[in-house]
Structure formats: structure tokens, C-alpha cells
Amino acid sequence: MSDQTAAPRASLLSRFLRLRRGPWENLATILIGLGVVMLMQPFSATAYAYSFITILAGTAMFAIVSHFPE
């Protein structure tokens, strides 16, 4: 691997490792809210069926993201 291709990869990795709590917590909160809306809506049985998984995914994401640096 040449030095020209190593630099962009290192930059991409460093950008990925700089995860910040704020935007990810917002996304997790939106996911939890979406799951609650799916749970309470009377129109689609499929949305109701996936509501628990959506809430669970948002809650797990929030628990993980809360350990990210600010």
C-alpha cells in the first residue's frame, strides 16, 4: 500500500473514531419515539409488530451512545 492511499484511510478512521454523543443520542431518542408512535397507531398491524423491536433498538443504542465522549 502506498503512502497516498494510507493517508485517506487514516483520515477516514480518525473521523469515524471521533463519535460524539449529541447527534447519536438525538437519533436514538427519535428511534424510541418512532417505536412508541408505531405502538400506538391503529392503522398497520405490521408497524405494531415491529414497534417493540424499534423501541428496544433505540434503547440499546441510547445505552451504548451515552458512553461516547461529549
PDB file of N, CA and C in Angstrom:
ATOM      1  N   MET A   1       0.863  -1.185   0.000  1.00  0.00           N
ATOM      2  CA  MET A   1       0.000   0.000   0.000  1.00  0.00           C
ATOM      3  C   MET A   1       0.899   1.236   0.000  1.00  0.00           C
ATOM      4  N   SER A   2       0.654   2.164  -0.865  1.00  0.00           N
ATOM      5  CA  SER A   2       1.478   3.364  -0.945  1.00  0.00           C
ATOM      6  C   SER A   2       1.048   4.383   0.104  1.00  0.00           C
ATOM      7  N   ASP A   3       1.883   5.383   0.275  1.00  0.00           N
ATOM      8  CA  ASP A   3       1.582   6.431   1.257  1.00  0.00           C
ATOM      9  C   ASP A   3       0.379   7.269   0.844  1.00  0.00           C
ATOM     10  N   GLN A   4       0.109   7.342  -0.449  1.00  0.00           N
ATOM     11  CA  GLN A   4      -1.017   8.148  -0.929  1.00  0.00           C
ATOM     12  C   GLN A   4      -2.348   7.534  -0.536  1.00  0.00           C
ATOM     13  N   THR A   5      -2.438   6.217  -0.510  1.00  0.00           N
ATOM     14  CA  THR A   5      -3.707   5.586  -0.127  1.00  0.00           C
ATOM     15  C   THR A   5      -3.822   5.406   1.376  1.00  0.00           C
ATOM     16  N   ALA A   6      -2.705   5.419   2.090  1.00  0.00           N
ATOM     17  CA  ALA A   6      -2.748   5.242   3.546  1.00  0.00           C
ATOM     18  C   ALA A   6      -3.291   6.489   4.231  1.00  0.00           C
ATOM     19  N   ALA A   7      -2.986   7.655   3.713  1.00  0.00           N
ATOM     20  CA  ALA A   7      -3.434   8.891   4.345  1.00  0.00           C
ATOM     21  C   ALA A   7      -4.956   9.044   4.341  1.00  0.00           C
ATOM     22  N   PRO A   8      -5.654   8.818   3.221  1.00  0.00           N
ATOM     23  CA  PRO A   8      -7.116   8.940   3.267  1.00  0.00           C
ATOM     24  C   PRO A   8      -7.761   7.913   4.197  1.00  0.00           C
ATOM     25  N   ARG A   9      -7.203   6.697   4.260  1.00  0.00           N
ATOM     26  CA  ARG A   9      -7.765   5.697   5.159  1.00  0.00           C
ATOM     27  C   ARG A   9      -7.596   6.097   6.612  1.00  0.00           C
ATOM     28  N   ALA A  10      -6.433   6.636   6.970  1.00  0.00           N
ATOM     29  CA  ALA A  10      -6.197   7.084   8.336  1.00  0.00           C
ATOM     30  C   ALA A  10      -7.139   8.231   8.675  1.00  0.00           C
ATOM     31  N   SER A  11      -7.365   9.117   7.724  1.00  0.00           N
ATOM     32  CA  SER A  11      -8.280  10.235   7.943  1.00  0.00           C
ATOM     33  C   SER A  11      -9.707   9.742   8.156  1.00  0.00           C
ATOM     34  N   LEU A  12     -10.124   8.771   7.358  1.00  0.00           N
ATOM     35  CA  LEU A  12     -11.466   8.212   7.491  1.00  0.00           C
ATOM     36  C   LEU A  12     -11.623   7.512   8.833  1.00  0.00           C
ATOM     37  N   LEU A  13     -10.624   6.763   9.239  1.00  0.00           N
ATOM     38  CA  LEU A  13     -10.674   6.065  10.520  1.00  0.00           C
ATOM     39  C   LEU A  13     -10.712   7.054  11.678  1.00  0.00           C
ATOM     40  N   SER A  14      -9.914   8.097  11.610  1.00  0.00           N
ATOM     41  CA  SER A  14      -9.911   9.073  12.699  1.00  0.00           C
ATOM     42  C   SER A  14     -11.241   9.820  12.773  1.00  0.00           C
ATOM     43  N   ARG A  15     -11.861  10.068  11.622  1.00  0.00           N
ATOM     44  CA  ARG A  15     -13.184  10.699  11.627  1.00  0.00           C
ATOM     45  C   ARG A  15     -14.223   9.779  12.229  1.00  0.00           C
ATOM     46  N   PHE A  16     -14.127   8.487  11.925  1.00  0.00           N
ATOM     47  CA  PHE A  16     -15.080   7.517  12.460  1.00  0.00           C
ATOM     48  C   PHE A  16     -14.915   7.363  13.971  1.00  0.00           C
ATOM     49  N   LEU A  17     -13.689   7.418  14.449  1.00  0.00           N
ATOM     50  CA  LEU A  17     -13.450   7.228  15.870  1.00  0.00           C
ATOM     51  C   LEU A  17     -13.829   8.447  16.707  1.00  0.00           C
ATOM     52  N   ARG A  18     -14.041   9.577  16.077  1.00  0.00           N
ATOM     53  CA  ARG A  18     -14.447  10.782  16.799  1.00  0.00           C
ATOM     54  C   ARG A  18     -15.960  10.869  16.915  1.00  0.00           C
ATOM     55  N   LEU A  19     -16.557   9.821  17.410  1.00  0.00           N
ATOM     56  CA  LEU A  19     -18.005   9.815  17.583  1.00  0.00           C
ATOM     57  C   LEU A  19     -18.372  10.725  18.746  1.00  0.00           C
ATOM     58  N   ARG A  20     -19.370  11.515  18.547  1.00  0.00           N
ATOM     59  CA  ARG A  20     -19.810  12.425  19.584  1.00  0.00           C
ATOM     60  C   ARG A  20     -21.187  12.019  20.081  1.00  0.00           C
ATOM     61  N   ARG A  21     -21.445  12.295  21.329  1.00  0.00           N
ATOM     62  CA  ARG A  21     -22.673  11.842  21.977  1.00  0.00           C
ATOM     63  C   ARG A  21     -23.919  12.545  21.452  1.00  0.00           C
ATOM     64  N   GLY A  22     -23.891  13.833  21.256  1.00  0.00           N
ATOM     65  CA  GLY A  22     -25.083  14.626  20.944  1.00  0.00           C
ATOM     66  C   GLY A  22     -25.919  14.130  19.780  1.00  0.00           C
ATOM     67  N   PRO A  23     -25.367  14.069  18.574  1.00  0.00           N
ATOM     68  CA  PRO A  23     -26.180  13.643  17.425  1.00  0.00           C
ATOM     69  C   PRO A  23     -26.674  12.207  17.545  1.00  0.00           C
ATOM     70  N   TRP A  24     -25.858  11.324  18.103  1.00  0.00           N
ATOM     71  CA  TRP A  24     -26.255   9.923  18.238  1.00  0.00           C
ATOM     72  C   TRP A  24     -27.344   9.748  19.285  1.00  0.00           C
ATOM     73  N   GLU A  25     -27.283  10.540  20.377  1.00  0.00           N
ATOM     74  CA  GLU A  25     -28.365  10.482  21.365  1.00  0.00           C
ATOM     75  C   GLU A  25     -29.675  10.979  20.757  1.00  0.00           C
ATOM     76  N   ASN A  26     -29.589  12.020  19.944  1.00  0.00           N
ATOM     77  CA  ASN A  26     -30.791  12.515  19.273  1.00  0.00           C
ATOM     78  C   ASN A  26     -31.384  11.454  18.361  1.00  0.00           C
ATOM     79  N   LEU A  27     -30.540  10.752  17.623  1.00  0.00           N
ATOM     80  CA  LEU A  27     -31.017   9.698  16.736  1.00  0.00           C
ATOM     81  C   LEU A  27     -31.662   8.561  17.533  1.00  0.00           C
ATOM     82  N   ALA A  28     -31.052   8.182  18.644  1.00  0.00           N
ATOM     83  CA  ALA A  28     -31.622   7.124  19.484  1.00  0.00           C
ATOM     84  C   ALA A  28     -32.965   7.552  20.063  1.00  0.00           C
ATOM     85  N   THR A  29     -33.077   8.803  20.470  1.00  0.00           N
ATOM     86  CA  THR A  29     -34.336   9.309  21.018  1.00  0.00           C
ATOM     87  C   THR A  29     -35.422   9.322  19.951  1.00  0.00           C
ATOM     88  N   ILE A  30     -35.069   9.718  18.738  1.00  0.00           N
ATOM     89  CA  ILE A  30     -36.032   9.702  17.630  1.00  0.00           C
ATOM     90  C   ILE A  30     -36.477   8.275  17.342  1.00  0.00           C
ATOM     91  N   LEU A  31     -35.559   7.333  17.405  1.00  0.00           N
ATOM     92  CA  LEU A  31     -35.892   5.926  17.168  1.00  0.00           C
ATOM     93  C   LEU A  31     -36.852   5.402  18.235  1.00  0.00           C
ATOM     94  N   ILE A  32     -36.628   5.763  19.476  1.00  0.00           N
ATOM     95  CA  ILE A  32     -37.542   5.359  20.553  1.00  0.00           C
ATOM     96  C   ILE A  32     -38.917   5.989  20.338  1.00  0.00           C
ATOM     97  N   GLY A  33     -38.943   7.269  20.000  1.00  0.00           N
ATOM     98  CA  GLY A  33     -40.213   7.949  19.731  1.00  0.00           C
ATOM     99  C   GLY A  33     -40.959   7.342  18.563  1.00  0.00           C
ATOM    100  N   LEU A  34     -40.234   6.977  17.524  1.00  0.00           N
ATOM    101  CA  LEU A  34     -40.851   6.326  16.368  1.00  0.00           C
ATOM    102  C   LEU A  34     -41.469   4.992  16.776  1.00  0.00           C
ATOM    103  N   GLY A  35     -40.782   4.247  17.631  1.00  0.00           N
ATOM    104  CA  GLY A  35     -41.321   2.983  18.113  1.00  0.00           C
ATOM    105  C   GLY A  35     -42.588   3.161  18.921  1.00  0.00           C
ATOM    106  N   VAL A  36     -42.635   4.209  19.733  1.00  0.00           N
ATOM    107  CA  VAL A  36     -43.844   4.478  20.523  1.00  0.00           C
ATOM    108  C   VAL A  36     -45.007   4.858  19.606  1.00  0.00           C
ATOM    109  N   VAL A  37     -44.728   5.673  18.599  1.00  0.00           N
ATOM    110  CA  VAL A  37     -45.781   6.034  17.637  1.00  0.00           C
ATOM    111  C   VAL A  37     -46.268   4.788  16.905  1.00  0.00           C
ATOM    112  N   MET A  38     -45.349   3.918  16.518  1.00  0.00           N
ATOM    113  CA  MET A  38     -45.734   2.674  15.850  1.00  0.00           C
ATOM    114  C   MET A  38     -46.585   1.800  16.769  1.00  0.00           C
ATOM    115  N   LEU A  39     -46.306   1.841  18.056  1.00  0.00           N
ATOM    116  CA  LEU A  39     -47.049   1.043  19.020  1.00  0.00           C
ATOM    117  C   LEU A  39     -48.477   1.554  19.192  1.00  0.00           C
ATOM    118  N   MET A  40     -48.670   2.869  19.100  1.00  0.00           N
ATOM    119  CA  MET A  40     -49.972   3.459  19.408  1.00  0.00           C
ATOM    120  C   MET A  40     -50.857   3.694  18.189  1.00  0.00           C
ATOM    121  N   GLN A  41     -50.335   3.505  16.996  1.00  0.00           N
ATOM    122  CA  GLN A  41     -51.133   3.783  15.799  1.00  0.00           C
ATOM    123  C   GLN A  41     -52.119   2.639  15.537  1.00  0.00           C
ATOM    124  N   PRO A  42     -53.312   2.956  15.039  1.00  0.00           N
ATOM    125  CA  PRO A  42     -54.320   1.919  14.810  1.00  0.00           C
ATOM    126  C   PRO A  42     -54.414   1.427  13.358  1.00  0.00           C
ATOM    127  N   PHE A  43     -53.470   1.795  12.482  1.00  0.00           N
ATOM    128  CA  PHE A  43     -53.634   1.564  11.053  1.00  0.00           C
ATOM    129  C   PHE A  43     -52.937   0.320  10.527  1.00  0.00           C
ATOM    130  N   SER A  44     -51.773  -0.011  11.058  1.00  0.00           N
ATOM    131  CA  SER A  44     -50.963  -1.069  10.466  1.00  0.00           C
ATOM    132  C   SER A  44     -50.541  -2.089  11.514  1.00  0.00           C
ATOM    133  N   ALA A  45     -50.913  -3.332  11.287  1.00  0.00           N
ATOM    134  CA  ALA A  45     -50.504  -4.398  12.200  1.00  0.00           C
ATOM    135  C   ALA A  45     -49.010  -4.683  12.067  1.00  0.00           C
ATOM    136  N   THR A  46     -48.458  -4.455  10.890  1.00  0.00           N
ATOM    137  CA  THR A  46     -47.023  -4.669  10.688  1.00  0.00           C
ATOM    138  C   THR A  46     -46.215  -3.656  11.492  1.00  0.00           C
ATOM    139  N   ALA A  47     -46.621  -2.401  11.469  1.00  0.00           N
ATOM    140  CA  ALA A  47     -45.934  -1.381  12.259  1.00  0.00           C
ATOM    141  C   ALA A  47     -46.038  -1.703  13.746  1.00  0.00           C
ATOM    142  N   TYR A  48     -47.191  -2.169  14.165  1.00  0.00           N
ATOM    143  CA  TYR A  48     -47.370  -2.569  15.568  1.00  0.00           C
ATOM    144  C   TYR A  48     -46.445  -3.731  15.922  1.00  0.00           C
ATOM    145  N   ALA A  49     -46.301  -4.675  15.015  1.00  0.00           N
ATOM    146  CA  ALA A  49     -45.461  -5.843  15.273  1.00  0.00           C
ATOM    147  C   ALA A  49     -43.987  -5.458  15.415  1.00  0.00           C
ATOM    148  N   TYR A  50     -43.529  -4.474  14.654  1.00  0.00           N
ATOM    149  CA  TYR A  50     -42.132  -4.057  14.719  1.00  0.00           C
ATOM    150  C   TYR A  50     -41.878  -2.963  15.749  1.00  0.00           C
ATOM    151  N   SER A  51     -42.895  -2.501  16.436  1.00  0.00           N
ATOM    152  CA  SER A  51     -42.718  -1.391  17.378  1.00  0.00           C
ATOM    153  C   SER A  51     -41.826  -1.777  18.548  1.00  0.00           C
ATOM    154  N   PHE A  52     -41.992  -2.980  19.093  1.00  0.00           N
ATOM    155  CA  PHE A  52     -41.170  -3.374  20.241  1.00  0.00           C
ATOM    156  C   PHE A  52     -39.701  -3.477  19.849  1.00  0.00           C
ATOM    157  N   ILE A  53     -39.427  -4.027  18.671  1.00  0.00           N
ATOM    158  CA  ILE A  53     -38.042  -4.142  18.208  1.00  0.00           C
ATOM    159  C   ILE A  53     -37.434  -2.756  18.003  1.00  0.00           C
ATOM    160  N   THR A  54     -38.232  -1.830  17.488  1.00  0.00           N
ATOM    161  CA  THR A  54     -37.755  -0.473  17.265  1.00  0.00           C
ATOM    162  C   THR A  54     -37.441   0.220  18.580  1.00  0.00           C
ATOM    163  N   ILE A  55     -38.325   0.090  19.565  1.00  0.00           N
ATOM    164  CA  ILE A  55     -38.081   0.684  20.875  1.00  0.00           C
ATOM    165  C   ILE A  55     -36.858   0.047  21.523  1.00  0.00           C
ATOM    166  N   LEU A  56     -36.737  -1.261  21.424  1.00  0.00           N
ATOM    167  CA  LEU A  56     -35.600  -1.963  22.009  1.00  0.00           C
ATOM    168  C   LEU A  56     -34.284  -1.543  21.349  1.00  0.00           C
ATOM    169  N   ALA A  57     -34.278  -1.404  20.041  1.00  0.00           N
ATOM    170  CA  ALA A  57     -33.071  -0.964  19.335  1.00  0.00           C
ATOM    171  C   ALA A  57     -32.690   0.458  19.737  1.00  0.00           C
ATOM    172  N   GLY A  58     -33.682   1.336  19.850  1.00  0.00           N
ATOM    173  CA  GLY A  58     -33.401   2.714  20.274  1.00  0.00           C
ATOM    174  C   GLY A  58     -32.885   2.778  21.694  1.00  0.00           C
ATOM    175  N   THR A  59     -33.430   1.954  22.577  1.00  0.00           N
ATOM    176  CA  THR A  59     -32.980   1.933  23.968  1.00  0.00           C
ATOM    177  C   THR A  59     -31.561   1.390  24.075  1.00  0.00           C
ATOM    178  N   ALA A  60     -31.269   0.325  23.358  1.00  0.00           N
ATOM    179  CA  ALA A  60     -29.910  -0.229  23.362  1.00  0.00           C
ATOM    180  C   ALA A  60     -28.920   0.771  22.773  1.00  0.00           C
ATOM    181  N   MET A  61     -29.332   1.425  21.698  1.00  0.00           N
ATOM    182  CA  MET A  61     -28.471   2.435  21.081  1.00  0.00           C
ATOM    183  C   MET A  61     -28.211   3.582  22.048  1.00  0.00           C
ATOM    184  N   PHE A  62     -29.238   4.011  22.769  1.00  0.00           N
ATOM    185  CA  PHE A  62     -29.073   5.106  23.726  1.00  0.00           C
ATOM    186  C   PHE A  62     -28.122   4.696  24.844  1.00  0.00           C
ATOM    187  N   ALA A  63     -28.234   3.456  25.314  1.00  0.00           N
ATOM    188  CA  ALA A  63     -27.355   2.984  26.389  1.00  0.00           C
ATOM    189  C   ALA A  63     -25.899   2.940  25.927  1.00  0.00           C
ATOM    190  N   ILE A  64     -25.667   2.543  24.696  1.00  0.00           N
ATOM    191  CA  ILE A  64     -24.303   2.480  24.177  1.00  0.00           C
ATOM    192  C   ILE A  64     -23.755   3.887  23.913  1.00  0.00           C
ATOM    193  N   VAL A  65     -24.579   4.715  23.297  1.00  0.00           N
ATOM    194  CA  VAL A  65     -24.149   6.061  22.901  1.00  0.00           C
ATOM    195  C   VAL A  65     -23.909   6.951  24.114  1.00  0.00           C
ATOM    196  N   SER A  66     -24.567   6.676  25.208  1.00  0.00           N
ATOM    197  CA  SER A  66     -24.384   7.510  26.396  1.00  0.00           C
ATOM    198  C   SER A  66     -22.967   7.395  26.959  1.00  0.00           C
ATOM    199  N   HIS A  67     -22.194   6.423  26.483  1.00  0.00           N
ATOM    200  CA  HIS A  67     -20.814   6.277  26.918  1.00  0.00           C
ATOM    201  C   HIS A  67     -19.816   6.965  25.968  1.00  0.00           C
ATOM    202  N   PHE A  68     -20.307   7.530  24.878  1.00  0.00           N
ATOM    203  CA  PHE A  68     -19.448   8.242  23.937  1.00  0.00           C
ATOM    204  C   PHE A  68     -18.973   9.546  24.579  1.00  0.00           C
ATOM    205  N   PRO A  69     -17.837  10.068  24.141  1.00  0.00           N
ATOM    206  CA  PRO A  69     -17.389  11.358  24.671  1.00  0.00           C
ATOM    207  C   PRO A  69     -18.270  12.509  24.177  1.00  0.00           C
ATOM    208  N   GLU A  70     -18.297  13.570  24.954  1.00  0.00           N
ATOM    209  CA  GLU A  70     -19.088  14.739  24.550  1.00  0.00           C
ATOM    210  C   GLU A  70     -18.339  15.513  23.565  1.00  0.00           C
TER     211      GLU A  70
END
